Amino acid sequence: QVQLVESGGGLVQAGGSLRLSCAASPRTSSSAAMGWFRQAPGKEREFVAAISSSGTITTYAESVKGRFTISRDNAKNTVYMVYLQINSLKPEDTAVYYCAEGGSTVRLRERAIDYWGKGTLVTVSS
């Protein structure tokens, strides 16, 4: 059973930055794409970003392009690490951010998720 554990959330002022981390263990097949979703209060969970297994392909929701950067570290022996760098935070970025694993970046965008993390809360004050 794969476990995804997010960290790095918190309270930040508008205009600030955060880096979210996700540790995926144990390592699954080398073809696992990883992604981030978020769910704001009273809203549906939405796609934010995804990265391919090799890290060479990334895709973003239009609303976060230019401010969010997804990356991954496959160097560790027992876990994948996936990061979401969030810059120029806005109050509308307030949400629980979830890490997800899927077969490809396309499948992640289509919400074909194999595993979910439990989420980390990001709160942006104005």
Protein backbone atom coordinates (compact mmCIF):
# COMPACT_ATOMS: atom_id res chain seq x y z
CA GLN A 1 0.00 0.00 0.00
CA VAL A 2 1.44 3.33 -1.08
CA GLN A 3 1.39 6.15 1.42
CA LEU A 4 1.54 9.78 0.44
CA VAL A 5 2.39 12.22 3.21
CA GLU A 6 2.20 15.96 2.61
CA SER A 7 3.91 18.67 4.63
CA GLY A 8 4.78 22.34 4.40
CA GLY A 9 1.39 23.97 4.70
CA GLY A 10 0.70 26.87 7.02
CA LEU A 11 -0.47 30.44 7.38
CA VAL A 12 1.18 32.96 5.08
CA GLN A 13 0.48 36.52 4.02
CA ALA A 14 -0.60 37.35 0.52
CA GLY A 15 2.42 37.75 -1.72
CA GLY A 16 4.43 35.23 0.24
CA SER A 17 5.75 31.81 -0.74
CA LEU A 18 5.53 28.24 0.46
CA ARG A 19 7.02 24.94 -0.59
CA LEU A 20 4.86 21.90 -0.12
CA SER A 21 6.42 18.45 0.04
CA CYS A 22 5.01 15.00 -0.54
CA ALA A 23 6.77 11.79 0.39
CA ALA A 24 5.52 8.70 -1.46
CA SER A 25 6.50 5.35 -0.01
CA PRO A 26 7.29 2.63 -0.70
CA ARG A 27 8.49 3.37 -4.18
CA THR A 28 6.02 2.05 -6.71
CA SER A 29 6.66 1.39 -10.35
CA SER A 30 8.95 3.78 -12.16
CA SER A 31 6.04 4.92 -14.34
CA ALA A 32 4.18 6.67 -11.51
CA ALA A 33 3.28 10.27 -12.23
CA MET A 34 2.66 12.56 -9.29
CA GLY A 35 0.46 15.57 -8.87
CA TRP A 36 -1.16 18.13 -6.61
CA PHE A 37 -4.80 18.97 -6.18
CA ARG A 38 -6.47 21.45 -3.87
CA GLN A 39 -9.85 21.89 -2.27
CA ALA A 40 -11.01 25.25 -1.02
CA PRO A 41 -13.79 25.54 1.57
CA GLY A 42 -17.14 24.81 -0.02
CA LYS A 43 -15.62 23.94 -3.39
CA GLU A 44 -14.77 20.78 -5.27
CA ARG A 45 -11.27 19.39 -5.35
CA GLU A 46 -9.42 20.74 -8.38
CA PHE A 47 -6.30 19.82 -10.30
CA VAL A 48 -3.27 22.03 -9.69
CA ALA A 49 -0.19 20.44 -11.25
CA ALA A 50 1.33 17.12 -12.31
CA ILE A 51 4.77 15.78 -13.16
CA SER A 52 5.79 12.69 -15.07
CA SER A 53 7.75 9.82 -13.58
CA SER A 54 11.01 11.11 -15.05
CA GLY A 55 10.26 14.72 -14.19
CA THR A 56 10.58 15.87 -17.79
CA ILE A 57 6.88 16.60 -18.34
CA THR A 58 4.91 19.02 -16.19
CA THR A 59 1.41 20.38 -16.57
CA TYR A 60 -0.46 23.06 -14.65
CA ALA A 61 -3.93 24.42 -14.18
CA GLU A 62 -4.32 27.75 -15.97
CA SER A 63 -5.07 29.50 -12.69
CA VAL A 64 -1.64 28.72 -11.24
CA LYS A 65 0.65 28.94 -14.26
CA GLY A 66 3.61 31.20 -13.63
CA ARG A 67 3.24 31.07 -9.83
CA PHE A 68 3.39 27.35 -9.02
CA THR A 69 6.23 24.99 -9.86
CA ILE A 70 6.10 21.23 -9.43
CA SER A 71 9.26 19.17 -9.15
CA ARG A 72 10.33 15.76 -7.94
CA ASP A 73 13.33 13.98 -6.51
CA ASN A 74 13.70 10.33 -7.47
CA ALA A 75 17.16 9.94 -6.01
CA LYS A 76 16.16 8.50 -2.65
CA ASN A 77 16.11 4.71 -2.44
CA THR A 78 12.85 4.21 -0.62
CA VAL A 79 10.64 7.19 -1.39
CA TYR A 80 9.69 9.58 -4.13
CA MET A 81 9.65 13.24 -3.12
CA VAL A 82 7.41 15.67 -4.93
CA TYR A 83 7.40 19.39 -4.29
CA LEU A 84 5.10 22.28 -5.07
CA GLN A 85 6.70 25.70 -4.91
CA ILE A 86 4.01 28.35 -4.55
CA ASN A 87 4.93 31.99 -5.10
CA SER A 88 2.93 35.22 -5.02
CA LEU A 89 0.27 33.61 -2.87
CA LYS A 90 -3.24 34.98 -3.07
CA PRO A 91 -6.12 34.60 -0.61
CA GLU A 92 -7.91 32.49 -3.22
CA ASP A 93 -5.09 29.95 -2.95
CA THR A 94 -6.37 29.07 0.51
CA ALA A 95 -7.18 25.37 0.42
CA VAL A 96 -6.19 21.92 1.54
CA TYR A 97 -3.53 20.72 -0.87
CA TYR A 98 -3.45 17.02 -1.69
CA CYS A 99 -0.71 14.93 -3.19
CA ALA A 100 -1.78 12.27 -5.69
CA GLU A 101 -0.23 9.45 -7.66
CA GLY A 102 -1.42 8.19 -11.01
CA GLY A 103 -0.35 6.45 -14.18
CA SER A 104 0.50 9.58 -16.15
CA THR A 105 0.13 13.35 -16.09
CA VAL A 106 -2.82 13.02 -18.47
CA ARG A 107 -4.57 10.55 -16.22
CA LEU A 108 -3.96 12.76 -13.21
CA ARG A 109 -5.62 15.68 -15.01
CA GLU A 110 -8.50 13.34 -15.77
CA ARG A 111 -8.68 12.57 -12.02
CA ALA A 112 -7.73 8.94 -12.54
CA ILE A 113 -5.97 8.75 -9.18
CA ASP A 114 -4.37 5.63 -7.76
CA TYR A 115 -3.48 7.08 -4.37
CA TRP A 116 -4.27 10.22 -2.37
CA GLY A 117 -2.52 11.83 0.54
CA LYS A 118 -4.44 13.27 3.47
CA GLY A 119 -3.64 16.86 2.63
CA THR A 120 -1.92 19.90 4.09
CA LEU A 121 -3.71 23.17 4.78
CA VAL A 122 -2.52 26.41 3.21
CA THR A 123 -4.11 29.59 4.50
CA VAL A 124 -3.34 32.91 2.85
CA SER A 125 -4.23 36.07 4.72
CA SER A 126 -4.91 39.32 2.93
